Amino acid sequence: MIELSAISRIFHMGDQEIRALDHIDLEIASGEYVSIMGPSGSGKSTLLNVIGLLDRPDSGRYQLDGRDVTDLSETEQARVRREKIGFVFQSFHLIPRLTAAENIELPLILTGISPAERKTRVDETLHAFNLSERARHRPAELSGGQRQRVAIARATILRPSALLADEPTGNLDHSIGAEVMALLENLHHAGTTLIIVTHDRELGLRAHRRIAMRDGQIVADER
């Protein structure tokens, strides 16, 4: 599904060159559950952003489902993201003025799905994520766990084949974080490819495949 070949990403700070990714080779098969671990600055979030087509590599090639997506236009990249990839972030990234239901509905609107189908899918999703009673609440009126559930519901309502999660429990206490991880793992059990970036070794060890990064390179890849 995901194939990275000699991927590098370089940032410049003044006269200093920082190799956030340094000739990364990586293949992730459809349906895998992968954690990417490493200290701050190791390149793990940059790698996730490249996989999610949120950032472009400076060199190397990226194939997604057999298609070279390295040099797609921004419009084409956005279309591929909508069709194939869902994102979950530590800070939720919900729109404050929209209700839970409206946040979840937003990807359906952007994709041009009819209002009738949108309502059906949003109602089903709210029920599946145990959010029906919070449908009309805005993010400020929700707990951290509820906000993350809304974010996951929004990320998966278009039924992407891959879900990318960057520190998905970072803003949650342990018990709520465990509930969120169970939710993500249930999506994996249903067939979604799940890729999680985390500082938390205990969390990372839950994955079936564990990748460790340091200084922009993969230093371990265990199954």
N, C-alpha and C. Protein backbone atom coordinates (compact mmCIF):
# COMPACT_ATOMS: atom_id res chain seq x y z
N MET A 1 0.82 -1.20 0.00
CA MET A 1 0.00 0.00 0.00
C MET A 1 0.86 1.26 0.00
N ILE A 2 1.80 1.37 0.99
CA ILE A 2 2.68 2.52 1.11
C ILE A 2 4.11 2.07 0.84
N GLU A 3 4.77 2.76 -0.09
CA GLU A 3 6.15 2.40 -0.42
C GLU A 3 6.96 3.69 -0.58
N LEU A 4 7.90 3.89 0.34
CA LEU A 4 8.80 5.03 0.30
C LEU A 4 10.18 4.55 -0.11
N SER A 5 10.79 5.26 -1.07
CA SER A 5 12.11 4.88 -1.57
C SER A 5 13.05 6.08 -1.48
N ALA A 6 14.07 5.97 -0.62
CA ALA A 6 15.12 6.98 -0.49
C ALA A 6 14.53 8.38 -0.23
N ILE A 7 13.54 8.44 0.65
CA ILE A 7 12.87 9.72 0.94
C ILE A 7 13.73 10.56 1.88
N SER A 8 13.97 11.81 1.47
CA SER A 8 14.67 12.77 2.32
C SER A 8 13.85 14.05 2.42
N ARG A 9 13.90 14.66 3.61
CA ARG A 9 13.26 15.97 3.81
C ARG A 9 14.24 16.84 4.58
N ILE A 10 14.59 17.98 4.01
CA ILE A 10 15.63 18.85 4.56
C ILE A 10 15.02 20.20 4.90
N PHE A 11 15.32 20.69 6.10
CA PHE A 11 14.92 22.03 6.51
C PHE A 11 16.18 22.86 6.75
N HIS A 12 16.05 24.16 6.54
CA HIS A 12 17.18 25.06 6.77
C HIS A 12 16.82 26.07 7.85
N MET A 13 17.70 26.19 8.83
CA MET A 13 17.56 27.19 9.88
C MET A 13 18.83 28.03 9.87
N GLY A 14 18.72 29.22 9.27
CA GLY A 14 19.92 30.03 9.07
C GLY A 14 20.84 29.30 8.11
N ASP A 15 22.08 29.09 8.52
CA ASP A 15 23.02 28.36 7.67
C ASP A 15 23.11 26.89 8.05
N GLN A 16 22.20 26.43 8.92
CA GLN A 16 22.22 25.05 9.37
C GLN A 16 21.24 24.21 8.56
N GLU A 17 21.69 23.05 8.11
CA GLU A 17 20.84 22.12 7.37
C GLU A 17 20.41 21.00 8.30
N ILE A 18 19.09 20.79 8.37
CA ILE A 18 18.56 19.74 9.24
C ILE A 18 17.89 18.68 8.37
N ARG A 19 18.42 17.48 8.43
CA ARG A 19 17.84 16.37 7.67
C ARG A 19 16.78 15.69 8.52
N ALA A 20 15.54 16.17 8.39
CA ALA A 20 14.45 15.60 9.18
C ALA A 20 14.20 14.15 8.77
N LEU A 21 14.36 13.86 7.49
CA LEU A 21 14.31 12.49 6.97
C LEU A 21 15.53 12.29 6.10
N ASP A 22 16.21 11.18 6.29
CA ASP A 22 17.49 10.95 5.62
C ASP A 22 17.47 9.61 4.89
N HIS A 23 17.05 9.64 3.63
CA HIS A 23 17.02 8.46 2.75
C HIS A 23 16.24 7.30 3.39
N ILE A 24 14.98 7.56 3.64
CA ILE A 24 14.09 6.57 4.26
C ILE A 24 13.55 5.60 3.22
N ASP A 25 13.71 4.31 3.48
CA ASP A 25 13.06 3.25 2.70
C ASP A 25 12.07 2.55 3.63
N LEU A 26 10.81 2.48 3.21
CA LEU A 26 9.80 1.90 4.08
C LEU A 26 8.63 1.39 3.26
N GLU A 27 8.17 0.19 3.58
CA GLU A 27 6.95 -0.35 2.98
C GLU A 27 5.99 -0.73 4.10
N ILE A 28 4.74 -0.31 3.95
CA ILE A 28 3.68 -0.67 4.90
C ILE A 28 2.54 -1.28 4.11
N ALA A 29 2.19 -2.50 4.45
CA ALA A 29 1.16 -3.22 3.71
C ALA A 29 -0.22 -2.80 4.19
N SER A 30 -1.19 -3.01 3.33
CA SER A 30 -2.58 -2.71 3.67
C SER A 30 -3.00 -3.53 4.89
N GLY A 31 -3.65 -2.87 5.85
CA GLY A 31 -4.15 -3.55 7.03
C GLY A 31 -3.18 -3.68 8.18
N GLU A 32 -1.96 -3.15 8.05
CA GLU A 32 -0.99 -3.23 9.14
C GLU A 32 -1.34 -2.25 10.26
N TYR A 33 -0.80 -2.55 11.44
CA TYR A 33 -0.90 -1.66 12.61
C TYR A 33 0.54 -1.35 13.00
N VAL A 34 0.95 -0.09 12.76
CA VAL A 34 2.35 0.31 12.89
C VAL A 34 2.47 1.47 13.85
N SER A 35 3.43 1.40 14.76
CA SER A 35 3.78 2.56 15.57
C SER A 35 5.13 3.08 15.13
N ILE A 36 5.29 4.41 15.17
CA ILE A 36 6.56 5.07 14.85
C ILE A 36 6.97 5.82 16.10
N MET A 37 8.12 5.42 16.67
CA MET A 37 8.56 5.97 17.95
C MET A 37 9.93 6.61 17.80
N GLY A 38 10.26 7.46 18.77
CA GLY A 38 11.55 8.12 18.77
C GLY A 38 11.48 9.41 19.55
N PRO A 39 12.64 9.96 19.92
CA PRO A 39 12.66 11.21 20.69
C PRO A 39 12.22 12.39 19.83
N SER A 40 11.98 13.53 20.48
CA SER A 40 11.65 14.75 19.75
C SER A 40 12.78 15.07 18.76
N GLY A 41 12.38 15.45 17.54
CA GLY A 41 13.37 15.77 16.52
C GLY A 41 13.90 14.57 15.77
N SER A 42 13.34 13.39 16.02
CA SER A 42 13.84 12.18 15.34
C SER A 42 13.33 12.07 13.91
N GLY A 43 12.25 12.80 13.58
CA GLY A 43 11.71 12.77 12.23
C GLY A 43 10.40 12.03 12.10
N LYS A 44 9.86 11.55 13.21
CA LYS A 44 8.67 10.69 13.11
C LYS A 44 7.43 11.45 12.62
N SER A 45 7.23 12.67 13.11
CA SER A 45 6.07 13.44 12.63
C SER A 45 6.25 13.89 11.19
N THR A 46 7.47 14.21 10.82
CA THR A 46 7.75 14.56 9.41
C THR A 46 7.45 13.37 8.51
N LEU A 47 7.84 12.18 8.95
CA LEU A 47 7.56 10.98 8.18
C LEU A 47 6.05 10.79 8.02
N LEU A 48 5.30 10.99 9.10
CA LEU A 48 3.85 10.83 9.04
C LEU A 48 3.25 11.86 8.07
N ASN A 49 3.76 13.09 8.09
CA ASN A 49 3.25 14.12 7.20
C ASN A 49 3.53 13.81 5.74
N VAL A 50 4.68 13.21 5.46
CA VAL A 50 4.99 12.80 4.08
C VAL A 50 4.05 11.68 3.66
N ILE A 51 3.87 10.69 4.52
CA ILE A 51 2.96 9.58 4.20
C ILE A 51 1.55 10.11 3.96
N GLY A 52 1.14 11.12 4.75
CA GLY A 52 -0.20 11.66 4.63
C GLY A 52 -0.35 12.72 3.56
N LEU A 53 0.69 12.96 2.78
CA LEU A 53 0.66 13.97 1.71
C LEU A 53 0.39 15.37 2.25
N LEU A 54 0.83 15.62 3.47
CA LEU A 54 0.78 16.96 4.03
C LEU A 54 2.09 17.70 3.82
N ASP A 55 3.13 16.97 3.45
CA ASP A 55 4.45 17.54 3.20
C ASP A 55 5.08 16.79 2.03
N ARG A 56 5.94 17.48 1.29
CA ARG A 56 6.60 16.87 0.14
C ARG A 56 8.06 16.57 0.48
N PRO A 57 8.56 15.42 0.07
CA PRO A 57 9.98 15.14 0.26
C PRO A 57 10.83 15.98 -0.69
N ASP A 58 12.08 16.21 -0.31
CA ASP A 58 13.01 16.91 -1.20
C ASP A 58 13.62 15.97 -2.22
N SER A 59 13.65 14.69 -1.91
CA SER A 59 14.13 13.68 -2.86
C SER A 59 13.53 12.34 -2.50
N GLY A 60 13.61 11.40 -3.44
CA GLY A 60 13.03 10.08 -3.25
C GLY A 60 11.65 9.99 -3.90
N ARG A 61 11.07 8.79 -3.85
CA ARG A 61 9.77 8.54 -4.48
C ARG A 61 8.82 7.93 -3.46
N TYR A 62 7.53 8.26 -3.64
CA TYR A 62 6.47 7.75 -2.76
C TYR A 62 5.38 7.16 -3.64
N GLN A 63 5.11 5.86 -3.43
CA GLN A 63 4.01 5.19 -4.12
C GLN A 63 2.94 4.81 -3.11
N LEU A 64 1.70 5.13 -3.46
CA LEU A 64 0.55 4.81 -2.62
C LEU A 64 -0.43 3.98 -3.44
N ASP A 65 -0.69 2.77 -2.98
CA ASP A 65 -1.55 1.85 -3.73
C ASP A 65 -1.09 1.70 -5.18
N GLY A 66 0.23 1.61 -5.36
CA GLY A 66 0.79 1.38 -6.70
C GLY A 66 0.90 2.60 -7.58
N ARG A 67 0.51 3.77 -7.06
CA ARG A 67 0.57 5.00 -7.85
C ARG A 67 1.64 5.92 -7.29
N ASP A 68 2.48 6.47 -8.16
CA ASP A 68 3.49 7.42 -7.73
C ASP A 68 2.80 8.75 -7.41
N VAL A 69 2.83 9.14 -6.14
CA VAL A 69 2.15 10.37 -5.71
C VAL A 69 3.14 11.47 -5.33
N THR A 70 4.41 11.26 -5.63
CA THR A 70 5.45 12.19 -5.19
C THR A 70 5.24 13.59 -5.72
N ASP A 71 4.93 13.69 -7.01
CA ASP A 71 4.90 15.00 -7.66
C ASP A 71 3.49 15.46 -8.04
N LEU A 72 2.48 14.93 -7.37
CA LEU A 72 1.12 15.35 -7.68
C LEU A 72 0.94 16.84 -7.37
N SER A 73 0.05 17.48 -8.10
CA SER A 73 -0.31 18.86 -7.79
C SER A 73 -1.01 18.91 -6.44
N GLU A 74 -1.10 20.10 -5.85
CA GLU A 74 -1.77 20.23 -4.56
C GLU A 74 -3.23 19.79 -4.64
N THR A 75 -3.87 20.07 -5.77
CA THR A 75 -5.27 19.67 -5.95
C THR A 75 -5.40 18.15 -5.97
N GLU A 76 -4.49 17.49 -6.70
CA GLU A 76 -4.51 16.03 -6.77
C GLU A 76 -4.16 15.41 -5.42
N GLN A 77 -3.20 16.00 -4.73
CA GLN A 77 -2.86 15.49 -3.40
C GLN A 77 -4.06 15.58 -2.46
N ALA A 78 -4.77 16.69 -2.51
CA ALA A 78 -5.95 16.86 -1.65
C ALA A 78 -7.00 15.80 -1.98
N ARG A 79 -7.18 15.49 -3.25
CA ARG A 79 -8.16 14.49 -3.65
C ARG A 79 -7.76 13.11 -3.12
N VAL A 80 -6.48 12.77 -3.24
CA VAL A 80 -6.00 11.47 -2.76
C VAL A 80 -6.17 11.39 -1.24
N ARG A 81 -5.85 12.47 -0.53
CA ARG A 81 -6.03 12.48 0.93
C ARG A 81 -7.48 12.22 1.30
N ARG A 82 -8.41 12.90 0.61
CA ARG A 82 -9.83 12.70 0.92
C ARG A 82 -10.25 11.26 0.70
N GLU A 83 -9.73 10.65 -0.36
CA GLU A 83 -10.18 9.31 -0.74
C GLU A 83 -9.54 8.20 0.08
N LYS A 84 -8.31 8.41 0.54
CA LYS A 84 -7.56 7.28 1.08
C LYS A 84 -7.05 7.43 2.51
N ILE A 85 -6.97 8.67 3.03
CA ILE A 85 -6.24 8.89 4.28
C ILE A 85 -7.07 9.70 5.26
N GLY A 86 -7.11 9.24 6.51
CA GLY A 86 -7.71 10.00 7.59
C GLY A 86 -6.64 10.41 8.58
N PHE A 87 -6.84 11.55 9.26
CA PHE A 87 -5.84 12.08 10.19
C PHE A 87 -6.46 12.31 11.57
N VAL A 88 -5.69 11.96 12.60
CA VAL A 88 -6.06 12.26 13.98
C VAL A 88 -4.85 12.91 14.64
N PHE A 89 -5.07 14.08 15.25
CA PHE A 89 -3.97 14.84 15.83
C PHE A 89 -4.14 14.97 17.34
N GLN A 90 -3.03 15.27 18.01
CA GLN A 90 -3.04 15.44 19.47
C GLN A 90 -3.97 16.58 19.88
N SER A 91 -4.00 17.66 19.09
CA SER A 91 -4.77 18.84 19.47
C SER A 91 -6.15 18.89 18.83
N PHE A 92 -6.61 17.77 18.30
CA PHE A 92 -7.98 17.57 17.81
C PHE A 92 -8.29 18.30 16.49
N HIS A 93 -7.91 19.58 16.38
CA HIS A 93 -8.13 20.36 15.15
C HIS A 93 -9.61 20.43 14.76
N LEU A 94 -10.48 20.52 15.75
CA LEU A 94 -11.90 20.73 15.45
C LEU A 94 -12.16 22.21 15.22
N ILE A 95 -13.21 22.52 14.46
CA ILE A 95 -13.59 23.91 14.20
C ILE A 95 -14.48 24.38 15.34
N PRO A 96 -14.04 25.38 16.12
CA PRO A 96 -14.75 25.74 17.35
C PRO A 96 -16.21 26.15 17.16
N ARG A 97 -16.53 26.81 16.05
CA ARG A 97 -17.89 27.33 15.89
C ARG A 97 -18.87 26.27 15.39
N LEU A 98 -18.36 25.10 15.01
CA LEU A 98 -19.23 24.03 14.51
C LEU A 98 -19.55 23.04 15.63
N THR A 99 -20.74 22.47 15.58
CA THR A 99 -21.11 21.43 16.54
C THR A 99 -20.35 20.14 16.22
N ALA A 100 -20.47 19.18 17.12
CA ALA A 100 -19.85 17.87 16.88
C ALA A 100 -20.33 17.28 15.56
N ALA A 101 -21.65 17.32 15.36
CA ALA A 101 -22.21 16.77 14.12
C ALA A 101 -21.70 17.51 12.89
N GLU A 102 -21.60 18.83 12.99
CA GLU A 102 -21.14 19.63 11.84
C GLU A 102 -19.67 19.39 11.55
N ASN A 103 -18.85 19.21 12.59
CA ASN A 103 -17.44 18.87 12.38
C ASN A 103 -17.31 17.54 11.65
N ILE A 104 -18.10 16.56 12.07
CA ILE A 104 -18.05 15.24 11.45
C ILE A 104 -18.53 15.30 10.01
N GLU A 105 -19.51 16.15 9.76
CA GLU A 105 -20.11 16.24 8.42
C GLU A 105 -19.21 16.94 7.40
N LEU A 106 -18.28 17.76 7.88
CA LEU A 106 -17.51 18.62 6.99
C LEU A 106 -16.84 17.89 5.82
N PRO A 107 -16.15 16.75 6.03
CA PRO A 107 -15.54 16.07 4.88
C PRO A 107 -16.57 15.64 3.83
N LEU A 108 -17.78 15.30 4.27
CA LEU A 108 -18.82 14.89 3.33
C LEU A 108 -19.25 16.08 2.47
N ILE A 109 -19.33 17.26 3.08
CA ILE A 109 -19.68 18.47 2.33
C ILE A 109 -18.61 18.77 1.29
N LEU A 110 -17.34 18.70 1.70
CA LEU A 110 -16.24 19.02 0.80
C LEU A 110 -16.16 18.04 -0.36
N THR A 111 -16.66 16.83 -0.14
CA THR A 111 -16.63 15.81 -1.19
C THR A 111 -17.86 15.89 -2.11
N GLY A 112 -18.85 16.68 -1.72
CA GLY A 112 -20.02 16.86 -2.57
C GLY A 112 -21.12 15.83 -2.40
N ILE A 113 -21.13 15.15 -1.25
CA ILE A 113 -22.16 14.15 -0.98
C ILE A 113 -23.49 14.84 -0.67
N SER A 114 -24.58 14.27 -1.11
CA SER A 114 -25.90 14.90 -1.00
C SER A 114 -26.29 15.08 0.46
N PRO A 115 -27.12 16.10 0.75
CA PRO A 115 -27.55 16.35 2.14
C PRO A 115 -28.22 15.14 2.79
N ALA A 116 -29.05 14.42 2.03
CA ALA A 116 -29.76 13.27 2.61
C ALA A 116 -28.77 12.19 3.04
N GLU A 117 -27.81 11.90 2.17
CA GLU A 117 -26.83 10.87 2.52
C GLU A 117 -25.93 11.35 3.65
N ARG A 118 -25.60 12.65 3.64
CA ARG A 118 -24.78 13.20 4.73
C ARG A 118 -25.46 12.99 6.07
N LYS A 119 -26.74 13.29 6.15
CA LYS A 119 -27.46 13.15 7.42
C LYS A 119 -27.45 11.70 7.90
N THR A 120 -27.69 10.78 6.97
CA THR A 120 -27.70 9.36 7.33
C THR A 120 -26.34 8.93 7.86
N ARG A 121 -25.29 9.31 7.15
CA ARG A 121 -23.95 8.86 7.55
C ARG A 121 -23.49 9.52 8.84
N VAL A 122 -23.83 10.80 9.02
CA VAL A 122 -23.46 11.47 10.27
C VAL A 122 -24.20 10.86 11.45
N ASP A 123 -25.50 10.60 11.30
CA ASP A 123 -26.27 9.99 12.39
C ASP A 123 -25.70 8.62 12.75
N GLU A 124 -25.37 7.82 11.73
CA GLU A 124 -24.80 6.49 11.97
C GLU A 124 -23.46 6.60 12.69
N THR A 125 -22.66 7.58 12.28
CA THR A 125 -21.34 7.75 12.87
C THR A 125 -21.43 8.24 14.31
N LEU A 126 -22.31 9.19 14.56
CA LEU A 126 -22.52 9.65 15.93
C LEU A 126 -22.91 8.50 16.85
N HIS A 127 -23.79 7.64 16.37
CA HIS A 127 -24.21 6.49 17.17
C HIS A 127 -23.04 5.53 17.39
N ALA A 128 -22.29 5.26 16.33
CA ALA A 128 -21.18 4.30 16.42
C ALA A 128 -20.10 4.77 17.39
N PHE A 129 -19.92 6.09 17.49
CA PHE A 129 -18.88 6.63 18.36
C PHE A 129 -19.44 7.11 19.71
N ASN A 130 -20.69 6.72 19.99
CA ASN A 130 -21.34 7.06 21.26
C ASN A 130 -21.35 8.57 21.49
N LEU A 131 -21.72 9.31 20.44
CA LEU A 131 -21.73 10.76 20.50
C LEU A 131 -23.10 11.36 20.21
N SER A 132 -24.12 10.54 20.06
CA SER A 132 -25.43 11.06 19.66
C SER A 132 -25.94 12.14 20.60
N GLU A 133 -25.72 11.97 21.89
CA GLU A 133 -26.22 12.95 22.85
C GLU A 133 -25.41 14.24 22.85
N ARG A 134 -24.26 14.22 22.17
CA ARG A 134 -23.39 15.40 22.11
C ARG A 134 -23.38 16.03 20.72
N ALA A 135 -24.29 15.61 19.86
CA ALA A 135 -24.28 16.03 18.46
C ALA A 135 -24.33 17.54 18.30
N ARG A 136 -25.11 18.23 19.16
CA ARG A 136 -25.30 19.67 19.02
C ARG A 136 -24.34 20.49 19.87
N HIS A 137 -23.43 19.84 20.54
CA HIS A 137 -22.46 20.55 21.38
C HIS A 137 -21.24 20.97 20.56
N ARG A 138 -20.73 22.16 20.86
CA ARG A 138 -19.51 22.63 20.21
C ARG A 138 -18.30 22.10 20.97
N PRO A 139 -17.10 22.13 20.35
CA PRO A 139 -15.92 21.53 21.01
C PRO A 139 -15.66 22.03 22.42
N ALA A 140 -15.89 23.32 22.69
CA ALA A 140 -15.64 23.85 24.03
C ALA A 140 -16.55 23.23 25.07
N GLU A 141 -17.65 22.63 24.64
CA GLU A 141 -18.61 22.02 25.55
C GLU A 141 -18.38 20.51 25.71
N LEU A 142 -17.31 20.00 25.11
CA LEU A 142 -17.01 18.58 25.15
C LEU A 142 -15.77 18.31 25.99
N SER A 143 -15.69 17.12 26.56
CA SER A 143 -14.47 16.71 27.26
C SER A 143 -13.39 16.39 26.24
N GLY A 144 -12.15 16.24 26.73
CA GLY A 144 -11.05 15.90 25.83
C GLY A 144 -11.30 14.59 25.09
N GLY A 145 -11.79 13.59 25.81
CA GLY A 145 -12.07 12.31 25.18
C GLY A 145 -13.16 12.41 24.13
N GLN A 146 -14.19 13.21 24.43
CA GLN A 146 -15.26 13.40 23.45
C GLN A 146 -14.76 14.14 22.21
N ARG A 147 -13.91 15.13 22.42
CA ARG A 147 -13.35 15.86 21.28
C ARG A 147 -12.51 14.93 20.40
N GLN A 148 -11.74 14.05 21.04
CA GLN A 148 -10.93 13.14 20.23
C GLN A 148 -11.81 12.14 19.49
N ARG A 149 -12.91 11.72 20.12
CA ARG A 149 -13.83 10.83 19.41
C ARG A 149 -14.46 11.53 18.22
N VAL A 150 -14.82 12.80 18.37
CA VAL A 150 -15.33 13.57 17.23
C VAL A 150 -14.28 13.65 16.14
N ALA A 151 -13.02 13.89 16.53
CA ALA A 151 -11.94 13.99 15.55
C ALA A 151 -11.75 12.67 14.80
N ILE A 152 -11.83 11.55 15.51
CA ILE A 152 -11.67 10.25 14.86
C ILE A 152 -12.87 9.97 13.96
N ALA A 153 -14.07 10.32 14.43
CA ALA A 153 -15.26 10.14 13.60
C ALA A 153 -15.15 10.94 12.31
N ARG A 154 -14.70 12.18 12.41
CA ARG A 154 -14.52 13.02 11.22
C ARG A 154 -13.46 12.41 10.30
N ALA A 155 -12.38 11.88 10.87
CA ALA A 155 -11.29 11.33 10.08
C ALA A 155 -11.69 10.07 9.32
N THR A 156 -12.71 9.38 9.83
CA THR A 156 -13.05 8.08 9.24
C THR A 156 -14.39 8.06 8.52
N ILE A 157 -15.11 9.17 8.48
CA ILE A 157 -16.46 9.14 7.91
C ILE A 157 -16.43 8.90 6.40
N LEU A 158 -15.31 9.22 5.74
CA LEU A 158 -15.17 8.93 4.31
C LEU A 158 -14.60 7.53 4.08
N ARG A 159 -14.45 6.77 5.17
CA ARG A 159 -13.98 5.37 5.10
C ARG A 159 -12.62 5.25 4.41
N PRO A 160 -11.62 5.96 4.94
CA PRO A 160 -10.28 5.89 4.34
C PRO A 160 -9.66 4.52 4.56
N SER A 161 -8.73 4.15 3.69
CA SER A 161 -8.05 2.87 3.86
C SER A 161 -6.95 2.95 4.90
N ALA A 162 -6.45 4.17 5.18
CA ALA A 162 -5.38 4.34 6.17
C ALA A 162 -5.75 5.46 7.13
N LEU A 163 -5.45 5.25 8.41
CA LEU A 163 -5.67 6.26 9.44
C LEU A 163 -4.32 6.58 10.07
N LEU A 164 -3.93 7.87 10.04
CA LEU A 164 -2.66 8.32 10.58
C LEU A 164 -2.93 9.11 11.85
N ALA A 165 -2.32 8.73 12.95
CA ALA A 165 -2.58 9.36 14.24
C ALA A 165 -1.28 9.86 14.85
N ASP A 166 -1.20 11.17 15.08
CA ASP A 166 0.01 11.79 15.64
C ASP A 166 -0.24 12.11 17.11
N GLU A 167 0.36 11.33 18.01
CA GLU A 167 0.18 11.48 19.46
C GLU A 167 -1.31 11.58 19.83
N PRO A 168 -2.13 10.61 19.44
CA PRO A 168 -3.58 10.74 19.61
C PRO A 168 -4.06 10.79 21.04
N THR A 169 -3.22 10.36 22.00
CA THR A 169 -3.62 10.40 23.41
C THR A 169 -2.82 11.42 24.20
N GLY A 170 -2.05 12.26 23.50
CA GLY A 170 -1.13 13.17 24.18
C GLY A 170 -1.80 14.17 25.10
N ASN A 171 -3.04 14.57 24.81
CA ASN A 171 -3.75 15.55 25.63
C ASN A 171 -4.81 14.91 26.54
N LEU A 172 -4.72 13.60 26.71
CA LEU A 172 -5.75 12.89 27.47
C LEU A 172 -5.14 12.20 28.68
N ASP A 173 -5.95 12.02 29.73
CA ASP A 173 -5.44 11.25 30.86
C ASP A 173 -5.40 9.77 30.50
N HIS A 174 -4.83 8.96 31.39
CA HIS A 174 -4.54 7.57 31.03
C HIS A 174 -5.80 6.79 30.69
N SER A 175 -6.85 6.92 31.49
CA SER A 175 -8.04 6.10 31.27
C SER A 175 -8.76 6.51 29.98
N ILE A 176 -8.86 7.82 29.73
CA ILE A 176 -9.50 8.28 28.49
C ILE A 176 -8.64 7.92 27.29
N GLY A 177 -7.31 8.03 27.46
CA GLY A 177 -6.41 7.64 26.38
C GLY A 177 -6.57 6.18 26.02
N ALA A 178 -6.79 5.33 27.02
CA ALA A 178 -6.99 3.90 26.76
C ALA A 178 -8.28 3.68 25.96
N GLU A 179 -9.32 4.46 26.26
CA GLU A 179 -10.57 4.34 25.50
C GLU A 179 -10.36 4.74 24.04
N VAL A 180 -9.60 5.82 23.83
CA VAL A 180 -9.33 6.28 22.46
C VAL A 180 -8.51 5.24 21.70
N MET A 181 -7.52 4.64 22.37
CA MET A 181 -6.72 3.61 21.69
C MET A 181 -7.57 2.40 21.35
N ALA A 182 -8.47 2.02 22.23
CA ALA A 182 -9.36 0.89 21.93
C ALA A 182 -10.21 1.20 20.71
N LEU A 183 -10.65 2.45 20.60
CA LEU A 183 -11.45 2.86 19.44
C LEU A 183 -10.63 2.77 18.16
N LEU A 184 -9.41 3.29 18.19
CA LEU A 184 -8.54 3.21 17.01
C LEU A 184 -8.23 1.77 16.64
N GLU A 185 -8.00 0.93 17.64
CA GLU A 185 -7.66 -0.47 17.37
C GLU A 185 -8.86 -1.24 16.84
N ASN A 186 -10.06 -0.85 17.24
CA ASN A 186 -11.26 -1.47 16.66
C ASN A 186 -11.36 -1.14 15.16
N LEU A 187 -11.01 0.09 14.80
CA LEU A 187 -11.00 0.46 13.38
C LEU A 187 -9.97 -0.37 12.63
N HIS A 188 -8.82 -0.60 13.25
CA HIS A 188 -7.81 -1.47 12.63
C HIS A 188 -8.35 -2.89 12.45
N HIS A 189 -9.01 -3.42 13.47
CA HIS A 189 -9.56 -4.78 13.37
C HIS A 189 -10.59 -4.88 12.26
N ALA A 190 -11.22 -3.76 11.93
CA ALA A 190 -12.21 -3.75 10.84
C ALA A 190 -11.55 -3.61 9.47
N GLY A 191 -10.22 -3.50 9.44
CA GLY A 191 -9.51 -3.50 8.16
C GLY A 191 -8.73 -2.25 7.83
N THR A 192 -8.81 -1.21 8.67
CA THR A 192 -8.10 0.04 8.40
C THR A 192 -6.61 -0.10 8.72
N THR A 193 -5.76 0.38 7.83
CA THR A 193 -4.34 0.48 8.12
C THR A 193 -4.16 1.57 9.15
N LEU A 194 -3.49 1.27 10.26
CA LEU A 194 -3.35 2.21 11.37
C LEU A 194 -1.86 2.50 11.61
N ILE A 195 -1.50 3.79 11.51
CA ILE A 195 -0.12 4.21 11.73
C ILE A 195 -0.14 5.28 12.81
N ILE A 196 0.55 5.01 13.92
CA ILE A 196 0.53 5.91 15.08
C ILE A 196 1.94 6.40 15.39
N VAL A 197 2.08 7.71 15.55
CA VAL A 197 3.32 8.31 16.04
C VAL A 197 3.15 8.57 17.52
N THR A 198 4.12 8.17 18.32
CA THR A 198 4.00 8.37 19.76
C THR A 198 5.36 8.45 20.43
N HIS A 199 5.42 9.24 21.53
CA HIS A 199 6.58 9.24 22.42
C HIS A 199 6.45 8.13 23.46
N ASP A 200 5.24 7.62 23.63
CA ASP A 200 4.91 6.70 24.72
C ASP A 200 5.27 5.27 24.32
N ARG A 201 6.31 4.73 24.93
CA ARG A 201 6.76 3.39 24.56
C ARG A 201 5.68 2.34 24.82
N GLU A 202 4.99 2.47 25.96
CA GLU A 202 3.92 1.52 26.27
C GLU A 202 2.86 1.51 25.18
N LEU A 203 2.51 2.70 24.72
CA LEU A 203 1.53 2.82 23.65
C LEU A 203 2.07 2.24 22.35
N GLY A 204 3.32 2.54 22.05
CA GLY A 204 3.92 2.05 20.81
C GLY A 204 4.01 0.54 20.76
N LEU A 205 4.23 -0.08 21.91
CA LEU A 205 4.38 -1.53 21.94
C LEU A 205 3.08 -2.27 21.67
N ARG A 206 1.96 -1.56 21.70
CA ARG A 206 0.68 -2.21 21.38
C ARG A 206 0.59 -2.57 19.90
N ALA A 207 1.32 -1.85 19.06
CA ALA A 207 1.26 -2.08 17.62
C ALA A 207 1.90 -3.41 17.25
N HIS A 208 1.44 -3.99 16.15
CA HIS A 208 1.99 -5.26 15.68
C HIS A 208 3.37 -5.08 15.05
N ARG A 209 3.63 -3.86 14.58
CA ARG A 209 4.93 -3.53 13.99
C ARG A 209 5.40 -2.22 14.60
N ARG A 210 6.66 -2.20 15.03
CA ARG A 210 7.16 -1.04 15.76
C ARG A 210 8.43 -0.51 15.07
N ILE A 211 8.36 0.74 14.64
CA ILE A 211 9.47 1.39 13.95
C ILE A 211 10.07 2.43 14.89
N ALA A 212 11.39 2.40 15.06
CA ALA A 212 12.08 3.39 15.88
C ALA A 212 12.91 4.30 14.98
N MET A 213 12.87 5.60 15.29
CA MET A 213 13.60 6.58 14.49
C MET A 213 14.57 7.37 15.36
N ARG A 214 15.65 7.79 14.73
CA ARG A 214 16.61 8.69 15.37
C ARG A 214 17.35 9.46 14.28
N ASP A 215 17.43 10.77 14.44
CA ASP A 215 18.18 11.63 13.51
C ASP A 215 17.73 11.43 12.06
N GLY A 216 16.40 11.32 11.87
CA GLY A 216 15.87 11.23 10.52
C GLY A 216 16.01 9.89 9.85
N GLN A 217 16.42 8.87 10.60
CA GLN A 217 16.61 7.54 10.02
C GLN A 217 15.85 6.50 10.83
N ILE A 218 15.48 5.43 10.16
CA ILE A 218 14.88 4.27 10.83
C ILE A 218 16.01 3.43 11.41
N VAL A 219 16.00 3.24 12.73
CA VAL A 219 17.09 2.50 13.38
C VAL A 219 16.62 1.13 13.85
N ALA A 220 15.31 0.88 13.83
CA ALA A 220 14.79 -0.44 14.19
C ALA A 220 13.42 -0.60 13.56
N ASP A 221 13.11 -1.83 13.17
CA ASP A 221 11.82 -2.16 12.58
C ASP A 221 11.47 -3.58 13.01
N GLU A 222 10.62 -3.68 14.03
CA GLU A 222 10.33 -4.97 14.66
C GLU A 222 8.88 -5.36 14.43
N ARG A 223 8.64 -6.65 14.24
CA ARG A 223 7.30 -7.19 14.08
C ARG A 223 7.03 -8.19 15.19
